Amino acid sequence: MKKDSQDSSGFVLLADYVPHIVQEIRYYSTYNFIGDRIDGYEQPIALLTKEAARALKSVSNEMIVKGYRLKIYDAYRPDTAVKHFLLWGIEDTDVRMKPYFYPEVEKQALFSEGYIARRSSHSRGSTVDLTLLDMSTGKELDMGSPFDFFGKISHPDYRGITEEQYDNRMFLRSAMIRSGFEPIACEWWHFTLRDEPYPDSYFSFPVSKDSLR
């Protein structure tokens, strides 16, 4: 049975566990596929379950040794944010961000093709969207497509990109899998902790430090 919850006791501020991360929480900003700040994002911070944060720390430690930092785009996502996505999906006329995030996919197909879920694993608190930052250049690794670009080019196994771009994806993917995360088929940036602590719970408390007090 799927359960809705406001209990944040199993969650932590990710930066407390993984101090080397860079955060660009896109749904707090207006630069996302909708074009507005998303409901439930009260601060530009990443929250995760304690278990997922510990596993991500292992990834971060490995990457730091190799000269990279984790850049986080999204982590825990309140169920209220997912409802915002769904309401946007009903509004057929709002396609202002289509040229930037889904130029080759019709808006309604974003849901039917699995790019936007009607109930998100992010709301269970152990899913993270991320990339790698090269500390020698200060730039993100070139993954062949940007975060939240909806289309086949963002599928992890897509081969219509350069060998370097594909290798960068596999470099991130392999590190995440080694630390207990599972990828998905349509987004190179998306990973969920394999043994997530709340597989049947969807949380709705806001993304805010106050939610953890």
Foldseek 3Di string as FASTA:
>chain_A
DFAEDLDCQQKDFLCVLAVQEAEDAPLCALPAQQRHNFPQAPDRTEMAGPLLSNLVNQLQVVVVVVQKGKYFHYAQDALSRLVVLVVSLVVQVRRVNCVPAPVPDRSNVCDVVPVRDSADPSQLGFKTFIFMAGNVVRHTQQQQHDPRRFDQSQFLPDDPGDPSNNVRLVVSQVSSVVSAWDDDGGHSRMTGRNPRPRPRYGYHHGNDPVSND
